[in-house]
Amino acid sequence: MNTVTIKIEGMHCDGCAANIQSLLERNAGVQKAVASFKEGEARILYDSDAITEEQLVTAIENSGYRVASRNRS
């Protein structure tokens, strides 16, 4: 399992964060996603054999948000 923290621009409220979290958790390979409007980021635990970091970024950006940066842990 891998973890990545993605800084996201364009969230306007906690509802935006909830939408992003739900969107990410629907993807096969995502074990857990926690999005925070206050922090402006999503922390994602995922299986890199099932989904790539690029696919996670694409899912976020296709929802109308902008990925500002990523940090693997």
C-alpha atoms as a PDB file:
ATOM      1  CA  MET A   1       0.000   0.000   0.000  1.00  0.00           C
ATOM      2  CA  ASN A   2       1.102   3.538  -0.749  1.00  0.00           C
ATOM      3  CA  THR A   3       0.033   6.863   0.717  1.00  0.00           C
ATOM      4  CA  VAL A   4      -0.038  10.173  -1.099  1.00  0.00           C
ATOM      5  CA  THR A   5      -1.129  13.599   0.129  1.00  0.00           C
ATOM      6  CA  ILE A   6      -2.493  15.750  -2.675  1.00  0.00           C
ATOM      7  CA  LYS A   7      -2.909  19.513  -2.266  1.00  0.00           C
ATOM      8  CA  ILE A   8      -6.124  20.561  -3.986  1.00  0.00           C
ATOM      9  CA  GLU A   9      -7.180  24.016  -5.115  1.00  0.00           C
ATOM     10  CA  GLY A  10     -10.777  24.974  -5.806  1.00  0.00           C
ATOM     11  CA  MET A  11     -12.517  23.534  -2.756  1.00  0.00           C
ATOM     12  CA  HIS A  12     -14.965  26.077  -1.327  1.00  0.00           C
ATOM     13  CA  CYS A  13     -16.467  24.190   1.614  1.00  0.00           C
ATOM     14  CA  ASP A  14     -16.626  20.934   3.560  1.00  0.00           C
ATOM     15  CA  GLY A  15     -19.109  19.658   0.977  1.00  0.00           C
ATOM     16  CA  CYS A  16     -16.423  19.899  -1.709  1.00  0.00           C
ATOM     17  CA  ALA A  17     -14.079  17.851   0.466  1.00  0.00           C
ATOM     18  CA  ALA A  18     -16.807  15.256   1.053  1.00  0.00           C
ATOM     19  CA  ASN A  19     -17.405  15.006  -2.710  1.00  0.00           C
ATOM     20  CA  ILE A  20     -13.704  14.496  -3.408  1.00  0.00           C
ATOM     21  CA  GLN A  21     -13.419  11.892  -0.652  1.00  0.00           C
ATOM     22  CA  SER A  22     -16.430   9.982  -1.973  1.00  0.00           C
ATOM     23  CA  LEU A  23     -15.162  10.198  -5.547  1.00  0.00           C
ATOM     24  CA  LEU A  24     -11.753   8.823  -4.588  1.00  0.00           C
ATOM     25  CA  GLU A  25     -13.125   5.995  -2.447  1.00  0.00           C
ATOM     26  CA  ARG A  26     -15.232   4.732  -5.376  1.00  0.00           C
ATOM     27  CA  ASN A  27     -12.060   3.887  -7.313  1.00  0.00           C
ATOM     28  CA  ALA A  28     -10.846   0.303  -7.228  1.00  0.00           C
ATOM     29  CA  GLY A  29      -7.566   0.165  -5.359  1.00  0.00           C
ATOM     30  CA  VAL A  30      -8.306   3.046  -2.997  1.00  0.00           C
ATOM     31  CA  GLN A  31      -8.301   1.663   0.539  1.00  0.00           C
ATOM     32  CA  LYS A  32      -9.095   4.966   2.270  1.00  0.00           C
ATOM     33  CA  ALA A  33      -9.327   8.637   1.354  1.00  0.00           C
ATOM     34  CA  VAL A  34      -9.662  11.591   3.709  1.00  0.00           C
ATOM     35  CA  ALA A  35     -10.208  15.024   2.175  1.00  0.00           C
ATOM     36  CA  SER A  36     -10.089  18.243   4.205  1.00  0.00           C
ATOM     37  CA  PHE A  37     -11.361  21.638   3.103  1.00  0.00           C
ATOM     38  CA  LYS A  38      -9.536  23.294   6.013  1.00  0.00           C
ATOM     39  CA  GLU A  39      -6.201  21.726   5.021  1.00  0.00           C
ATOM     40  CA  GLY A  40      -6.894  21.970   1.284  1.00  0.00           C
ATOM     41  CA  GLU A  41      -5.771  18.415   0.680  1.00  0.00           C
ATOM     42  CA  ALA A  42      -6.672  14.759   0.369  1.00  0.00           C
ATOM     43  CA  ARG A  43      -4.681  11.934   1.929  1.00  0.00           C
ATOM     44  CA  ILE A  44      -5.118   8.670   0.062  1.00  0.00           C
ATOM     45  CA  LEU A  45      -4.109   5.114   0.949  1.00  0.00           C
ATOM     46  CA  TYR A  46      -4.087   3.073  -2.241  1.00  0.00           C
ATOM     47  CA  ASP A  47      -2.819  -0.102  -3.883  1.00  0.00           C
ATOM     48  CA  SER A  48      -0.439   0.919  -6.672  1.00  0.00           C
ATOM     49  CA  ASP A  49      -1.038  -2.426  -8.406  1.00  0.00           C
ATOM     50  CA  ALA A  50      -4.706  -1.472  -8.878  1.00  0.00           C
ATOM     51  CA  ILE A  51      -4.576   2.314  -9.449  1.00  0.00           C
ATOM     52  CA  THR A  52      -1.807   4.788 -10.205  1.00  0.00           C
ATOM     53  CA  GLU A  53      -1.142   8.146  -8.622  1.00  0.00           C
ATOM     54  CA  GLU A  54      -1.764   9.720 -12.033  1.00  0.00           C
ATOM     55  CA  GLN A  55      -5.229   8.141 -12.148  1.00  0.00           C
ATOM     56  CA  LEU A  56      -5.992   9.625  -8.729  1.00  0.00           C
ATOM     57  CA  VAL A  57      -4.892  13.064  -9.925  1.00  0.00           C
ATOM     58  CA  THR A  58      -6.987  12.713 -13.089  1.00  0.00           C
ATOM     59  CA  ALA A  59     -10.072  11.757 -11.063  1.00  0.00           C
ATOM     60  CA  ILE A  60      -9.697  14.883  -8.930  1.00  0.00           C
ATOM     61  CA  GLU A  61      -9.055  17.190 -11.872  1.00  0.00           C
ATOM     62  CA  ASN A  62     -11.933  15.733 -13.909  1.00  0.00           C
ATOM     63  CA  SER A  63     -14.191  16.796 -11.027  1.00  0.00           C
ATOM     64  CA  GLY A  64     -13.294  20.450 -11.549  1.00  0.00           C
ATOM     65  CA  TYR A  65     -10.539  20.854  -8.946  1.00  0.00           C
ATOM     66  CA  ARG A  66      -6.859  21.551  -9.502  1.00  0.00           C
ATOM     67  CA  VAL A  67      -4.050  19.468  -8.064  1.00  0.00           C
ATOM     68  CA  ALA A  68      -1.389  21.886  -6.808  1.00  0.00           C
ATOM     69  CA  SER A  69       1.141  19.342  -5.488  1.00  0.00           C
ATOM     70  CA  ARG A  70       1.627  15.780  -4.271  1.00  0.00           C
ATOM     71  CA  ASN A  71       3.711  14.298  -1.511  1.00  0.00           C
ATOM     72  CA  ARG A  72       4.285  10.551  -1.113  1.00  0.00           C
ATOM     73  CA  SER A  73       4.812   9.163   2.347  1.00  0.00           C
END
